[in-house]
Amino acid sequence: MNGRMRKFDYERYFEQIKTMPEPVMVGELPKVKLDLRGIREYAKNKGVAIASLTEEEKQLFIIQ
């Protein structure tokens, strides 16, 4: 590698670990189904990427 490598700051790393939230367990996640085929077709017909759809449009394809 070129250049000097920085020394890893373990003190800062351990401080960040203390402030991290607890992990979310799979059982705690909400049960939600998404119609992937439908949302993909909808975005394709509209001529846009899925990410650029509005939240209201995305909600049409969430099945709870």
N, C-alpha and C. Protein backbone atom coordinates (compact mmCIF):
# COMPACT_ATOMS: atom_id res chain seq x y z
N MET A 1 0.83 -1.18 0.00
CA MET A 1 0.00 0.00 0.00
C MET A 1 0.87 1.24 0.00
N ASN A 2 0.34 2.27 -0.57
CA ASN A 2 1.05 3.54 -0.58
C ASN A 2 0.63 4.39 0.60
N GLY A 3 1.53 5.20 1.09
CA GLY A 3 1.20 6.12 2.17
C GLY A 3 1.27 5.46 3.53
N ARG A 4 1.07 6.31 4.54
CA ARG A 4 1.12 5.81 5.90
C ARG A 4 -0.25 5.38 6.37
N MET A 5 -0.29 4.34 7.16
CA MET A 5 -1.55 3.88 7.72
C MET A 5 -1.77 4.57 9.06
N ARG A 6 -3.02 4.97 9.29
CA ARG A 6 -3.34 5.59 10.57
C ARG A 6 -3.43 4.52 11.64
N LYS A 7 -3.09 4.93 12.83
CA LYS A 7 -3.21 4.02 13.97
C LYS A 7 -4.69 3.94 14.34
N PHE A 8 -5.20 2.74 14.55
CA PHE A 8 -6.61 2.56 14.88
C PHE A 8 -6.88 3.09 16.28
N ASP A 9 -7.95 3.87 16.40
CA ASP A 9 -8.31 4.50 17.67
C ASP A 9 -9.28 3.59 18.43
N TYR A 10 -8.72 2.69 19.24
CA TYR A 10 -9.54 1.73 19.98
C TYR A 10 -10.43 2.41 21.01
N GLU A 11 -9.92 3.47 21.63
CA GLU A 11 -10.71 4.18 22.64
C GLU A 11 -11.99 4.74 22.03
N ARG A 12 -11.89 5.35 20.88
CA ARG A 12 -13.06 5.91 20.20
C ARG A 12 -14.02 4.79 19.77
N TYR A 13 -13.47 3.69 19.31
CA TYR A 13 -14.27 2.54 18.89
C TYR A 13 -15.10 2.00 20.06
N PHE A 14 -14.48 1.82 21.22
CA PHE A 14 -15.20 1.28 22.37
C PHE A 14 -16.24 2.26 22.89
N GLU A 15 -16.00 3.55 22.79
CA GLU A 15 -17.00 4.56 23.18
C GLU A 15 -18.21 4.50 22.25
N GLN A 16 -17.97 4.30 20.97
CA GLN A 16 -19.07 4.20 20.01
C GLN A 16 -19.91 2.95 20.27
N ILE A 17 -19.27 1.86 20.65
CA ILE A 17 -20.00 0.63 20.95
C ILE A 17 -20.96 0.84 22.12
N LYS A 18 -20.57 1.62 23.10
CA LYS A 18 -21.42 1.86 24.26
C LYS A 18 -22.71 2.59 23.90
N THR A 19 -22.66 3.43 22.85
CA THR A 19 -23.84 4.22 22.48
C THR A 19 -24.67 3.57 21.38
N MET A 20 -24.24 2.41 20.88
CA MET A 20 -24.99 1.73 19.83
C MET A 20 -26.29 1.16 20.40
N PRO A 21 -27.37 1.20 19.61
CA PRO A 21 -28.61 0.57 20.07
C PRO A 21 -28.48 -0.95 20.02
N GLU A 22 -29.36 -1.60 20.74
CA GLU A 22 -29.39 -3.07 20.74
C GLU A 22 -29.81 -3.57 19.36
N PRO A 23 -29.35 -4.74 18.95
CA PRO A 23 -29.79 -5.27 17.66
C PRO A 23 -31.28 -5.63 17.70
N VAL A 24 -31.92 -5.57 16.54
CA VAL A 24 -33.33 -5.92 16.42
C VAL A 24 -33.40 -7.39 16.02
N MET A 25 -34.11 -8.16 16.81
CA MET A 25 -34.25 -9.58 16.52
C MET A 25 -35.29 -9.79 15.43
N VAL A 26 -35.14 -10.85 14.67
CA VAL A 26 -36.04 -11.14 13.56
C VAL A 26 -37.48 -11.27 14.05
N GLY A 27 -37.69 -11.85 15.20
CA GLY A 27 -39.02 -12.01 15.75
C GLY A 27 -39.70 -10.70 16.10
N GLU A 28 -38.92 -9.62 16.28
CA GLU A 28 -39.46 -8.32 16.64
C GLU A 28 -39.87 -7.49 15.43
N LEU A 29 -39.48 -7.93 14.24
CA LEU A 29 -39.81 -7.19 13.03
C LEU A 29 -41.29 -7.35 12.69
N PRO A 30 -41.91 -6.31 12.14
CA PRO A 30 -43.33 -6.46 11.77
C PRO A 30 -43.48 -7.42 10.59
N LYS A 31 -44.58 -8.13 10.59
CA LYS A 31 -44.86 -9.07 9.50
C LYS A 31 -45.48 -8.30 8.35
N VAL A 32 -44.72 -8.06 7.31
CA VAL A 32 -45.17 -7.28 6.16
C VAL A 32 -44.78 -8.02 4.89
N LYS A 33 -45.70 -8.04 3.94
CA LYS A 33 -45.41 -8.63 2.64
C LYS A 33 -45.44 -7.52 1.60
N LEU A 34 -44.59 -7.63 0.61
CA LEU A 34 -44.48 -6.63 -0.44
C LEU A 34 -44.67 -7.31 -1.79
N ASP A 35 -45.54 -6.76 -2.61
CA ASP A 35 -45.78 -7.28 -3.95
C ASP A 35 -44.68 -6.73 -4.87
N LEU A 36 -43.54 -7.44 -4.89
CA LEU A 36 -42.39 -6.97 -5.66
C LEU A 36 -42.67 -6.92 -7.15
N ARG A 37 -43.33 -7.95 -7.66
CA ARG A 37 -43.63 -7.98 -9.09
C ARG A 37 -44.54 -6.80 -9.46
N GLY A 38 -45.54 -6.55 -8.63
CA GLY A 38 -46.47 -5.46 -8.90
C GLY A 38 -45.81 -4.10 -8.88
N ILE A 39 -44.97 -3.84 -7.87
CA ILE A 39 -44.33 -2.53 -7.77
C ILE A 39 -43.31 -2.33 -8.90
N ARG A 40 -42.65 -3.42 -9.28
CA ARG A 40 -41.68 -3.33 -10.38
C ARG A 40 -42.39 -3.01 -11.70
N GLU A 41 -43.49 -3.69 -11.96
CA GLU A 41 -44.27 -3.44 -13.17
C GLU A 41 -44.84 -2.02 -13.18
N TYR A 42 -45.34 -1.58 -12.02
CA TYR A 42 -45.92 -0.25 -11.89
C TYR A 42 -44.87 0.81 -12.24
N ALA A 43 -43.67 0.67 -11.66
CA ALA A 43 -42.60 1.64 -11.92
C ALA A 43 -42.16 1.58 -13.38
N LYS A 44 -42.09 0.38 -13.93
CA LYS A 44 -41.68 0.23 -15.33
C LYS A 44 -42.69 0.89 -16.26
N ASN A 45 -43.99 0.67 -16.01
CA ASN A 45 -45.03 1.29 -16.84
C ASN A 45 -45.02 2.81 -16.71
N LYS A 46 -44.67 3.27 -15.53
CA LYS A 46 -44.61 4.72 -15.30
C LYS A 46 -43.31 5.32 -15.86
N GLY A 47 -42.31 4.47 -16.09
CA GLY A 47 -41.03 4.93 -16.65
C GLY A 47 -40.08 5.52 -15.63
N VAL A 48 -40.21 5.08 -14.38
CA VAL A 48 -39.34 5.59 -13.32
C VAL A 48 -38.75 4.43 -12.52
N ALA A 49 -37.75 4.75 -11.70
CA ALA A 49 -37.18 3.74 -10.81
C ALA A 49 -38.08 3.57 -9.59
N ILE A 50 -38.04 2.41 -8.98
CA ILE A 50 -38.86 2.15 -7.79
C ILE A 50 -38.54 3.15 -6.69
N ALA A 51 -37.28 3.49 -6.54
CA ALA A 51 -36.87 4.42 -5.48
C ALA A 51 -37.48 5.81 -5.66
N SER A 52 -37.85 6.17 -6.88
CA SER A 52 -38.39 7.52 -7.10
C SER A 52 -39.92 7.57 -6.97
N LEU A 53 -40.56 6.44 -6.67
CA LEU A 53 -42.00 6.45 -6.44
C LEU A 53 -42.29 7.16 -5.12
N THR A 54 -43.46 7.76 -5.02
CA THR A 54 -43.84 8.43 -3.78
C THR A 54 -44.19 7.39 -2.72
N GLU A 55 -44.21 7.80 -1.47
CA GLU A 55 -44.56 6.89 -0.38
C GLU A 55 -45.98 6.36 -0.55
N GLU A 56 -46.89 7.19 -1.04
CA GLU A 56 -48.26 6.75 -1.25
C GLU A 56 -48.33 5.65 -2.31
N GLU A 57 -47.54 5.80 -3.38
CA GLU A 57 -47.51 4.78 -4.43
C GLU A 57 -46.92 3.48 -3.90
N LYS A 58 -45.88 3.58 -3.08
CA LYS A 58 -45.25 2.38 -2.52
C LYS A 58 -46.21 1.66 -1.58
N GLN A 59 -47.01 2.41 -0.83
CA GLN A 59 -47.95 1.82 0.12
C GLN A 59 -49.00 0.95 -0.57
N LEU A 60 -49.25 1.22 -1.85
CA LEU A 60 -50.23 0.42 -2.59
C LEU A 60 -49.81 -1.04 -2.70
N PHE A 61 -48.52 -1.33 -2.57
CA PHE A 61 -48.00 -2.67 -2.80
C PHE A 61 -47.58 -3.37 -1.51
N ILE A 62 -47.87 -2.76 -0.37
CA ILE A 62 -47.56 -3.38 0.93
C ILE A 62 -48.81 -4.09 1.42
N ILE A 63 -48.67 -5.39 1.69
CA ILE A 63 -49.78 -6.23 2.14
C ILE A 63 -49.51 -6.58 3.60
N GLN A 64 -50.41 -6.22 4.49
CA GLN A 64 -50.19 -6.53 5.91
C GLN A 64 -51.14 -7.57 6.41
